[in-house]
Amino acid sequence: LTLRHRKTTKYQNPARQVEVRRNDRVRIVSMPAEK
């Protein structure tokens, strides 16, 4: 009863959090060094 879904409440989906990979969140950009 407590965890019923409400439109005004934000929820986290643990299954989607586990499926996240590094490439989905981090992007490595190669930039030339500046003097």
PDB file of all heavy atoms in Angstrom:
ATOM      1  N   LEU A   1       0.819  -1.209   0.000  1.00  0.00           N
ATOM      2  CA  LEU A   1       0.000   0.000   0.000  1.00  0.00           C
ATOM      3  C   LEU A   1       0.853   1.259   0.000  1.00  0.00           C
ATOM      4  O   LEU A   1       0.495   2.270  -0.609  1.00  0.00           O
ATOM      5  CB  LEU A   1      -0.923   0.003   1.228  1.00  0.00           C
ATOM      6  CG  LEU A   1      -2.064  -1.013   1.209  1.00  0.00           C
ATOM      7  CD1 LEU A   1      -2.805  -0.990   2.528  1.00  0.00           C
ATOM      8  CD2 LEU A   1      -3.018  -0.735   0.058  1.00  0.00           C
ATOM      9  N   THR A   2       1.988   1.201   0.690  1.00  0.00           N
ATOM     10  CA  THR A   2       2.851   2.375   0.772  1.00  0.00           C
ATOM     11  C   THR A   2       3.553   2.659  -0.551  1.00  0.00           C
ATOM     12  O   THR A   2       3.716   3.819  -0.941  1.00  0.00           O
ATOM     13  CB  THR A   2       3.900   2.173   1.881  1.00  0.00           C
ATOM     14  OG1 THR A   2       3.225   1.911   3.107  1.00  0.00           O
ATOM     15  CG2 THR A   2       4.763   3.401   2.035  1.00  0.00           C
ATOM     16  N   LEU A   3       3.954   1.626  -1.262  1.00  0.00           N
ATOM     17  CA  LEU A   3       4.731   1.794  -2.486  1.00  0.00           C
ATOM     18  C   LEU A   3       3.866   1.852  -3.738  1.00  0.00           C
ATOM     19  O   LEU A   3       4.365   1.599  -4.831  1.00  0.00           O
ATOM     20  CB  LEU A   3       5.747   0.644  -2.611  1.00  0.00           C
ATOM     21  CG  LEU A   3       6.819   0.592  -1.521  1.00  0.00           C
ATOM     22  CD1 LEU A   3       7.748  -0.584  -1.755  1.00  0.00           C
ATOM     23  CD2 LEU A   3       7.604   1.891  -1.485  1.00  0.00           C
ATOM     24  N   ARG A   4       2.590   2.136  -3.579  1.00  0.00           N
ATOM     25  CA  ARG A   4       1.758   2.257  -4.779  1.00  0.00           C
ATOM     26  C   ARG A   4       2.194   3.486  -5.586  1.00  0.00           C
ATOM     27  O   ARG A   4       2.645   4.485  -5.027  1.00  0.00           O
ATOM     28  CB  ARG A   4       0.286   2.361  -4.391  1.00  0.00           C
ATOM     29  CG  ARG A   4      -0.083   3.590  -3.603  1.00  0.00           C
ATOM     30  CD  ARG A   4      -1.553   3.551  -3.226  1.00  0.00           C
ATOM     31  NE  ARG A   4      -1.973   4.765  -2.556  1.00  0.00           N
ATOM     32  CZ  ARG A   4      -1.877   4.995  -1.273  1.00  0.00           C
ATOM     33  NH1 ARG A   4      -1.347   4.061  -0.502  1.00  0.00           N
ATOM     34  NH2 ARG A   4      -2.282   6.128  -0.739  1.00  0.00           N
ATOM     35  N   HIS A   5       2.036   3.407  -6.882  1.00  0.00           N
ATOM     36  CA  HIS A   5       2.554   4.440  -7.776  1.00  0.00           C
ATOM     37  C   HIS A   5       1.669   5.676  -7.738  1.00  0.00           C
ATOM     38  O   HIS A   5       0.446   5.600  -7.794  1.00  0.00           O
ATOM     39  CB  HIS A   5       2.630   3.901  -9.209  1.00  0.00           C
ATOM     40  CG  HIS A   5       3.659   2.832  -9.367  1.00  0.00           C
ATOM     41  ND1 HIS A   5       5.006   3.098  -9.453  1.00  0.00           N
ATOM     42  CD2 HIS A   5       3.551   1.483  -9.425  1.00  0.00           C
ATOM     43  CE1 HIS A   5       5.680   1.984  -9.580  1.00  0.00           C
ATOM     44  NE2 HIS A   5       4.824   0.975  -9.555  1.00  0.00           N
ATOM     45  N   ARG A   6       2.313   6.821  -7.611  1.00  0.00           N
ATOM     46  CA  ARG A   6       1.620   8.100  -7.682  1.00  0.00           C
ATOM     47  C   ARG A   6       2.233   8.910  -8.812  1.00  0.00           C
ATOM     48  O   ARG A   6       3.423   8.790  -9.109  1.00  0.00           O
ATOM     49  CB  ARG A   6       1.760   8.871  -6.364  1.00  0.00           C
ATOM     50  CG  ARG A   6       1.211   8.156  -5.154  1.00  0.00           C
ATOM     51  CD  ARG A   6       1.256   9.086  -3.934  1.00  0.00           C
ATOM     52  NE  ARG A   6       0.848   8.416  -2.719  1.00  0.00           N
ATOM     53  CZ  ARG A   6       1.682   7.855  -1.861  1.00  0.00           C
ATOM     54  NH1 ARG A   6       2.973   7.903  -2.103  1.00  0.00           N
ATOM     55  NH2 ARG A   6       1.243   7.262  -0.774  1.00  0.00           N
ATOM     56  N   LYS A   7       1.436   9.748  -9.429  1.00  0.00           N
ATOM     57  CA  LYS A   7       1.919  10.536 -10.550  1.00  0.00           C
ATOM     58  C   LYS A   7       2.916  11.608 -10.110  1.00  0.00           C
ATOM     59  O   LYS A   7       3.767  12.025 -10.881  1.00  0.00           O
ATOM     60  CB  LYS A   7       0.733  11.190 -11.259  1.00  0.00           C
ATOM     61  CG  LYS A   7      -0.211  10.195 -11.906  1.00  0.00           C
ATOM     62  CD  LYS A   7      -1.355  10.913 -12.613  1.00  0.00           C
ATOM     63  CE  LYS A   7      -2.303   9.911 -13.268  1.00  0.00           C
ATOM     64  NZ  LYS A   7      -3.435  10.579 -13.949  1.00  0.00           N
ATOM     65  N   THR A   8       2.784  12.068  -8.867  1.00  0.00           N
ATOM     66  CA  THR A   8       3.639  13.168  -8.402  1.00  0.00           C
ATOM     67  C   THR A   8       4.918  12.688  -7.736  1.00  0.00           C
ATOM     68  O   THR A   8       5.693  13.504  -7.248  1.00  0.00           O
ATOM     69  CB  THR A   8       2.851  14.031  -7.404  1.00  0.00           C
ATOM     70  OG1 THR A   8       2.426  13.218  -6.300  1.00  0.00           O
ATOM     71  CG2 THR A   8       1.636  14.655  -8.061  1.00  0.00           C
ATOM     72  N   THR A   9       5.150  11.388  -7.717  1.00  0.00           N
ATOM     73  CA  THR A   9       6.322  10.845  -7.032  1.00  0.00           C
ATOM     74  C   THR A   9       7.294  10.264  -8.046  1.00  0.00           C
ATOM     75  O   THR A   9       6.882   9.604  -9.001  1.00  0.00           O
ATOM     76  CB  THR A   9       5.897   9.753  -6.026  1.00  0.00           C
ATOM     77  OG1 THR A   9       4.917  10.289  -5.148  1.00  0.00           O
ATOM     78  CG2 THR A   9       7.089   9.279  -5.211  1.00  0.00           C
ATOM     79  N   LYS A  10       8.573  10.525  -7.844  1.00  0.00           N
ATOM     80  CA  LYS A  10       9.611   9.983  -8.717  1.00  0.00           C
ATOM     81  C   LYS A  10      10.064   8.632  -8.187  1.00  0.00           C
ATOM     82  O   LYS A  10      10.225   8.443  -6.979  1.00  0.00           O
ATOM     83  CB  LYS A  10      10.800  10.937  -8.785  1.00  0.00           C
ATOM     84  CG  LYS A  10      10.474  12.277  -9.430  1.00  0.00           C
ATOM     85  CD  LYS A  10      11.708  13.167  -9.492  1.00  0.00           C
ATOM     86  CE  LYS A  10      11.389  14.493 -10.158  1.00  0.00           C
ATOM     87  NZ  LYS A  10      12.581  15.377 -10.214  1.00  0.00           N
ATOM     88  N   TYR A  11      10.271   7.682  -9.081  1.00  0.00           N
ATOM     89  CA  TYR A  11      10.655   6.340  -8.701  1.00  0.00           C
ATOM     90  C   TYR A  11      11.929   5.931  -9.427  1.00  0.00           C
ATOM     91  O   TYR A  11      12.243   6.464 -10.496  1.00  0.00           O
ATOM     92  CB  TYR A  11       9.545   5.331  -9.047  1.00  0.00           C
ATOM     93  CG  TYR A  11       8.291   5.499  -8.225  1.00  0.00           C
ATOM     94  CD1 TYR A  11       7.247   6.275  -8.690  1.00  0.00           C
ATOM     95  CD2 TYR A  11       8.174   4.892  -6.996  1.00  0.00           C
ATOM     96  CE1 TYR A  11       6.100   6.438  -7.939  1.00  0.00           C
ATOM     97  CE2 TYR A  11       7.036   5.044  -6.238  1.00  0.00           C
ATOM     98  CZ  TYR A  11       5.996   5.813  -6.703  1.00  0.00           C
ATOM     99  OH  TYR A  11       4.862   5.976  -5.958  1.00  0.00           O
ATOM    100  N   GLN A  12      12.636   5.002  -8.846  1.00  0.00           N
ATOM    101  CA  GLN A  12      13.817   4.421  -9.475  1.00  0.00           C
ATOM    102  C   GLN A  12      13.516   2.970  -9.812  1.00  0.00           C
ATOM    103  O   GLN A  12      12.868   2.255  -9.036  1.00  0.00           O
ATOM    104  CB  GLN A  12      15.029   4.491  -8.539  1.00  0.00           C
ATOM    105  CG  GLN A  12      15.508   5.905  -8.276  1.00  0.00           C
ATOM    106  CD  GLN A  12      16.726   5.925  -7.387  1.00  0.00           C
ATOM    107  OE1 GLN A  12      17.122   4.908  -6.840  1.00  0.00           O
ATOM    108  NE2 GLN A  12      17.329   7.081  -7.242  1.00  0.00           N
ATOM    109  N   ASN A  13      13.994   2.558 -10.962  1.00  0.00           N
ATOM    110  CA  ASN A  13      13.810   1.186 -11.404  1.00  0.00           C
ATOM    111  C   ASN A  13      15.128   0.441 -11.216  1.00  0.00           C
ATOM    112  O   ASN A  13      16.075   0.647 -11.990  1.00  0.00           O
ATOM    113  CB  ASN A  13      13.373   1.150 -12.874  1.00  0.00           C
ATOM    114  CG  ASN A  13      12.933  -0.232 -13.299  1.00  0.00           C
ATOM    115  OD1 ASN A  13      13.200  -1.219 -12.615  1.00  0.00           O
ATOM    116  ND2 ASN A  13      12.246  -0.306 -14.431  1.00  0.00           N
ATOM    117  N   PRO A  14      15.235  -0.406 -10.195  1.00  0.00           N
ATOM    118  CA  PRO A  14      16.511  -1.100  -9.955  1.00  0.00           C
ATOM    119  C   PRO A  14      16.942  -1.963 -11.139  1.00  0.00           C
ATOM    120  O   PRO A  14      18.140  -2.108 -11.394  1.00  0.00           O
ATOM    121  CB  PRO A  14      16.224  -1.945  -8.713  1.00  0.00           C
ATOM    122  CG  PRO A  14      15.063  -1.275  -8.042  1.00  0.00           C
ATOM    123  CD  PRO A  14      14.245  -0.698  -9.142  1.00  0.00           C
ATOM    124  N   ALA A  15      15.989  -2.546 -11.870  1.00  0.00           N
ATOM    125  CA  ALA A  15      16.361  -3.397 -13.008  1.00  0.00           C
ATOM    126  C   ALA A  15      17.067  -2.583 -14.088  1.00  0.00           C
ATOM    127  O   ALA A  15      18.078  -3.021 -14.664  1.00  0.00           O
ATOM    128  CB  ALA A  15      15.110  -4.068 -13.575  1.00  0.00           C
ATOM    129  N   ARG A  16      16.565  -1.395 -14.361  1.00  0.00           N
ATOM    130  CA  ARG A  16      17.218  -0.539 -15.365  1.00  0.00           C
ATOM    131  C   ARG A  16      18.558  -0.020 -14.852  1.00  0.00           C
ATOM    132  O   ARG A  16      19.491   0.181 -15.646  1.00  0.00           O
ATOM    133  CB  ARG A  16      16.302   0.630 -15.718  1.00  0.00           C
ATOM    134  CG  ARG A  16      15.024   0.208 -16.427  1.00  0.00           C
ATOM    135  CD  ARG A  16      14.228   1.414 -16.869  1.00  0.00           C
ATOM    136  NE  ARG A  16      14.983   2.222 -17.820  1.00  0.00           N
ATOM    137  CZ  ARG A  16      14.571   3.402 -18.287  1.00  0.00           C
ATOM    138  NH1 ARG A  16      13.401   3.899 -17.880  1.00  0.00           N
ATOM    139  NH2 ARG A  16      15.302   4.078 -19.134  1.00  0.00           N
ATOM    140  N   GLN A  17      18.680   0.212 -13.545  1.00  0.00           N
ATOM    141  CA  GLN A  17      19.955   0.658 -13.000  1.00  0.00           C
ATOM    142  C   GLN A  17      21.028  -0.415 -13.145  1.00  0.00           C
ATOM    143  O   GLN A  17      22.197  -0.122 -13.432  1.00  0.00           O
ATOM    144  CB  GLN A  17      19.790   1.041 -11.528  1.00  0.00           C
ATOM    145  CG  GLN A  17      18.987   2.306 -11.317  1.00  0.00           C
ATOM    146  CD  GLN A  17      18.808   2.612  -9.852  1.00  0.00           C
ATOM    147  OE1 GLN A  17      18.826   1.716  -9.009  1.00  0.00           O
ATOM    148  NE2 GLN A  17      18.640   3.886  -9.530  1.00  0.00           N
ATOM    149  N   VAL A  18      20.651  -1.672 -12.970  1.00  0.00           N
ATOM    150  CA  VAL A  18      21.616  -2.765 -13.091  1.00  0.00           C
ATOM    151  C   VAL A  18      22.056  -2.940 -14.547  1.00  0.00           C
ATOM    152  O   VAL A  18      23.210  -3.296 -14.837  1.00  0.00           O
ATOM    153  CB  VAL A  18      21.006  -4.070 -12.535  1.00  0.00           C
ATOM    154  CG1 VAL A  18      21.906  -5.263 -12.814  1.00  0.00           C
ATOM    155  CG2 VAL A  18      20.769  -3.939 -11.043  1.00  0.00           C
ATOM    156  N   GLU A  19      21.148  -2.688 -15.487  1.00  0.00           N
ATOM    157  CA  GLU A  19      21.459  -2.878 -16.898  1.00  0.00           C
ATOM    158  C   GLU A  19      22.339  -1.772 -17.495  1.00  0.00           C
ATOM    159  O   GLU A  19      22.784  -1.877 -18.638  1.00  0.00           O
ATOM    160  CB  GLU A  19      20.153  -2.963 -17.701  1.00  0.00           C
ATOM    161  CG  GLU A  19      19.331  -4.209 -17.385  1.00  0.00           C
ATOM    162  CD  GLU A  19      17.990  -4.189 -18.087  1.00  0.00           C
ATOM    163  OE1 GLU A  19      17.675  -3.166 -18.746  1.00  0.00           O
ATOM    164  OE2 GLU A  19      17.254  -5.187 -17.976  1.00  0.00           O
ATOM    165  N   VAL A  20      22.558  -0.699 -16.742  1.00  0.00           N
ATOM    166  CA  VAL A  20      23.343   0.417 -17.261  1.00  0.00           C
ATOM    167  C   VAL A  20      24.800  -0.003 -17.465  1.00  0.00           C
ATOM    168  O   VAL A  20      25.389  -0.677 -16.619  1.00  0.00           O
ATOM    169  CB  VAL A  20      23.254   1.632 -16.298  1.00  0.00           C
ATOM    170  CG1 VAL A  20      24.243   2.704 -16.694  1.00  0.00           C
ATOM    171  CG2 VAL A  20      21.838   2.181 -16.300  1.00  0.00           C
ATOM    172  N   ARG A  21      25.365   0.396 -18.586  1.00  0.00           N
ATOM    173  CA  ARG A  21      26.766   0.111 -18.887  1.00  0.00           C
ATOM    174  C   ARG A  21      27.561   1.416 -18.900  1.00  0.00           C
ATOM    175  O   ARG A  21      26.990   2.506 -18.939  1.00  0.00           O
ATOM    176  CB  ARG A  21      26.895  -0.579 -20.256  1.00  0.00           C
ATOM    177  CG  ARG A  21      26.231  -1.932 -20.310  1.00  0.00           C
ATOM    178  CD  ARG A  21      26.943  -2.920 -19.375  1.00  0.00           C
ATOM    179  NE  ARG A  21      26.328  -4.228 -19.411  1.00  0.00           N
ATOM    180  CZ  ARG A  21      25.469  -4.674 -18.511  1.00  0.00           C
ATOM    181  NH1 ARG A  21      25.112  -3.869 -17.512  1.00  0.00           N
ATOM    182  NH2 ARG A  21      24.975  -5.877 -18.591  1.00  0.00           N
ATOM    183  N   ARG A  22      28.860   1.283 -18.910  1.00  0.00           N
ATOM    184  CA  ARG A  22      29.721   2.456 -18.853  1.00  0.00           C
ATOM    185  C   ARG A  22      29.536   3.346 -20.072  1.00  0.00           C
ATOM    186  O   ARG A  22      29.491   4.567 -19.975  1.00  0.00           O
ATOM    187  CB  ARG A  22      31.181   2.022 -18.743  1.00  0.00           C
ATOM    188  CG  ARG A  22      32.147   3.191 -18.589  1.00  0.00           C
ATOM    189  CD  ARG A  22      33.567   2.748 -18.750  1.00  0.00           C
ATOM    190  NE  ARG A  22      33.794   2.292 -20.126  1.00  0.00           N
ATOM    191  CZ  ARG A  22      34.985   1.875 -20.571  1.00  0.00           C
ATOM    192  NH1 ARG A  22      36.022   1.847 -19.760  1.00  0.00           N
ATOM    193  NH2 ARG A  22      35.128   1.473 -21.824  1.00  0.00           N
ATOM    194  N   ASN A  23      29.377   2.739 -21.222  1.00  0.00           N
ATOM    195  CA  ASN A  23      29.239   3.521 -22.449  1.00  0.00           C
ATOM    196  C   ASN A  23      27.941   4.330 -22.476  1.00  0.00           C
ATOM    197  O   ASN A  23      27.828   5.294 -23.224  1.00  0.00           O
ATOM    198  CB  ASN A  23      29.297   2.595 -23.668  1.00  0.00           C
ATOM    199  CG  ASN A  23      30.655   1.925 -23.798  1.00  0.00           C
ATOM    200  OD1 ASN A  23      31.656   2.477 -23.334  1.00  0.00           O
ATOM    201  ND2 ASN A  23      30.686   0.748 -24.403  1.00  0.00           N
ATOM    202  N   ASP A  24      26.959   3.921 -21.667  1.00  0.00           N
ATOM    203  CA  ASP A  24      25.697   4.670 -21.616  1.00  0.00           C
ATOM    204  C   ASP A  24      25.811   5.934 -20.771  1.00  0.00           C
ATOM    205  O   ASP A  24      25.004   6.853 -20.924  1.00  0.00           O
ATOM    206  CB  ASP A  24      24.580   3.791 -21.035  1.00  0.00           C
ATOM    207  CG  ASP A  24      24.341   2.554 -21.882  1.00  0.00           C
ATOM    208  OD1 ASP A  24      24.613   2.611 -23.099  1.00  0.00           O
ATOM    209  OD2 ASP A  24      23.882   1.535 -21.321  1.00  0.00           O
ATOM    210  N   ARG A  25      26.802   5.998 -19.934  1.00  0.00           N
ATOM    211  CA  ARG A  25      26.885   7.124 -18.999  1.00  0.00           C
ATOM    212  C   ARG A  25      28.156   7.972 -19.175  1.00  0.00           C
ATOM    213  O   ARG A  25      28.182   9.136 -18.854  1.00  0.00           O
ATOM    214  CB  ARG A  25      26.832   6.603 -17.547  1.00  0.00           C
ATOM    215  CG  ARG A  25      25.506   5.997 -17.167  1.00  0.00           C
ATOM    216  CD  ARG A  25      24.447   7.076 -17.064  1.00  0.00           C
ATOM    217  NE  ARG A  25      23.174   6.543 -16.615  1.00  0.00           N
ATOM    218  CZ  ARG A  25      22.169   6.226 -17.415  1.00  0.00           C
ATOM    219  NH1 ARG A  25      22.323   6.357 -18.725  1.00  0.00           N
ATOM    220  NH2 ARG A  25      21.046   5.757 -16.936  1.00  0.00           N
ATOM    221  N   VAL A  26      29.219   7.334 -19.640  1.00  0.00           N
ATOM    222  CA  VAL A  26      30.505   8.036 -19.743  1.00  0.00           C
ATOM    223  C   VAL A  26      30.940   8.053 -21.205  1.00  0.00           C
ATOM    224  O   VAL A  26      30.902   7.024 -21.889  1.00  0.00           O
ATOM    225  CB  VAL A  26      31.583   7.354 -18.875  1.00  0.00           C
ATOM    226  CG1 VAL A  26      32.908   8.091 -19.012  1.00  0.00           C
ATOM    227  CG2 VAL A  26      31.139   7.320 -17.421  1.00  0.00           C
ATOM    228  N   ARG A  27      31.371   9.213 -21.659  1.00  0.00           N
ATOM    229  CA  ARG A  27      31.892   9.344 -23.007  1.00  0.00           C
ATOM    230  C   ARG A  27      33.267   9.999 -22.924  1.00  0.00           C
ATOM    231  O   ARG A  27      33.416  11.077 -22.347  1.00  0.00           O
ATOM    232  CB  ARG A  27      30.962  10.195 -23.868  1.00  0.00           C
ATOM    233  CG  ARG A  27      31.413  10.252 -25.328  1.00  0.00           C
ATOM    234  CD  ARG A  27      30.440  11.040 -26.182  1.00  0.00           C
ATOM    235  NE  ARG A  27      30.373  12.422 -25.725  1.00  0.00           N
ATOM    236  CZ  ARG A  27      29.626  13.361 -26.313  1.00  0.00           C
ATOM    237  NH1 ARG A  27      28.860  13.036 -27.336  1.00  0.00           N
ATOM    238  NH2 ARG A  27      29.611  14.590 -25.853  1.00  0.00           N
ATOM    239  N   ILE A  28      34.258   9.330 -23.462  1.00  0.00           N
ATOM    240  CA  ILE A  28      35.625   9.831 -23.441  1.00  0.00           C
ATOM    241  C   ILE A  28      35.870  10.601 -24.745  1.00  0.00           C
ATOM    242  O   ILE A  28      35.706  10.066 -25.834  1.00  0.00           O
ATOM    243  CB  ILE A  28      36.638   8.683 -23.291  1.00  0.00           C
ATOM    244  CG1 ILE A  28      36.371   7.940 -21.978  1.00  0.00           C
ATOM    245  CG2 ILE A  28      38.055   9.212 -23.353  1.00  0.00           C
ATOM    246  CD1 ILE A  28      37.256   6.743 -21.780  1.00  0.00           C
ATOM    247  N   VAL A  29      36.237  11.843 -24.592  1.00  0.00           N
ATOM    248  CA  VAL A  29      36.478  12.716 -25.740  1.00  0.00           C
ATOM    249  C   VAL A  29      37.970  12.981 -25.842  1.00  0.00           C
ATOM    250  O   VAL A  29      38.619  13.395 -24.871  1.00  0.00           O
ATOM    251  CB  VAL A  29      35.705  14.051 -25.600  1.00  0.00           C
ATOM    252  CG1 VAL A  29      35.978  14.963 -26.796  1.00  0.00           C
ATOM    253  CG2 VAL A  29      34.215  13.772 -25.466  1.00  0.00           C
ATOM    254  N   SER A  30      38.524  12.749 -26.998  1.00  0.00           N
ATOM    255  CA  SER A  30      39.959  12.986 -27.225  1.00  0.00           C
ATOM    256  C   SER A  30      40.134  14.416 -27.722  1.00  0.00           C
ATOM    257  O   SER A  30      39.620  14.795 -28.782  1.00  0.00           O
ATOM    258  CB  SER A  30      40.491  11.990 -28.265  1.00  0.00           C
ATOM    259  OG  SER A  30      41.855  12.250 -28.508  1.00  0.00           O
ATOM    260  N   MET A  31      40.831  15.212 -26.934  1.00  0.00           N
ATOM    261  CA  MET A  31      41.065  16.612 -27.297  1.00  0.00           C
ATOM    262  C   MET A  31      42.562  16.862 -27.335  1.00  0.00           C
ATOM    263  O   MET A  31      43.312  16.342 -26.482  1.00  0.00           O
ATOM    264  CB  MET A  31      40.396  17.532 -26.252  1.00  0.00           C
ATOM    265  CG  MET A  31      38.889  17.402 -26.199  1.00  0.00           C
ATOM    266  SD  MET A  31      38.184  18.504 -24.967  1.00  0.00           S
ATOM    267  CE  MET A  31      38.631  20.092 -25.666  1.00  0.00           C
ATOM    268  N   PRO A  32      42.984  17.659 -28.286  1.00  0.00           N
ATOM    269  CA  PRO A  32      44.442  17.976 -28.338  1.00  0.00           C
ATOM    270  C   PRO A  32      44.840  18.854 -27.183  1.00  0.00           C
ATOM    271  O   PRO A  32      44.054  19.670 -26.689  1.00  0.00           O
ATOM    272  CB  PRO A  32      44.592  18.693 -29.684  1.00  0.00           C
ATOM    273  CG  PRO A  32      43.225  19.255 -29.958  1.00  0.00           C
ATOM    274  CD  PRO A  32      42.237  18.260 -29.390  1.00  0.00           C
ATOM    275  N   ALA A  33      46.064  18.687 -26.719  1.00  0.00           N
ATOM    276  CA  ALA A  33      46.553  19.479 -25.608  1.00  0.00           C
ATOM    277  C   ALA A  33      46.750  20.925 -26.051  1.00  0.00           C
ATOM    278  O   ALA A  33      47.141  21.211 -27.186  1.00  0.00           O
ATOM    279  CB  ALA A  33      47.859  18.912 -25.087  1.00  0.00           C
ATOM    280  N   GLU A  34      46.499  21.843 -25.150  1.00  0.00           N
ATOM    281  CA  GLU A  34      46.640  23.262 -25.456  1.00  0.00           C
ATOM    282  C   GLU A  34      47.738  23.855 -24.600  1.00  0.00           C
ATOM    283  O   GLU A  34      47.859  23.515 -23.411  1.00  0.00           O
ATOM    284  CB  GLU A  34      45.323  23.991 -25.190  1.00  0.00           C
ATOM    285  CG  GLU A  34      44.180  23.538 -26.092  1.00  0.00           C
ATOM    286  CD  GLU A  34      42.916  24.316 -25.838  1.00  0.00           C
ATOM    287  OE1 GLU A  34      42.940  25.207 -24.956  1.00  0.00           O
ATOM    288  OE2 GLU A  34      41.893  24.045 -26.488  1.00  0.00           O
ATOM    289  N   LYS A  35      48.521  24.743 -25.205  1.00  0.00           N
ATOM    290  CA  LYS A  35      49.560  25.428 -24.477  1.00  0.00           C
ATOM    291  C   LYS A  35      49.097  26.795 -24.048  1.00  0.00           C
ATOM    292  O   LYS A  35      48.250  27.401 -24.704  1.00  0.00           O
ATOM    293  CB  LYS A  35      50.822  25.563 -25.327  1.00  0.00           C
ATOM    294  CG  LYS A  35      51.460  24.234 -25.710  1.00  0.00           C
ATOM    295  CD  LYS A  35      52.709  24.463 -26.521  1.00  0.00           C
ATOM    296  CE  LYS A  35      53.355  23.151 -26.887  1.00  0.00           C
ATOM    297  NZ  LYS A  35      54.586  23.345 -27.702  1.00  0.00           N
TER     298      LYS A  35
END
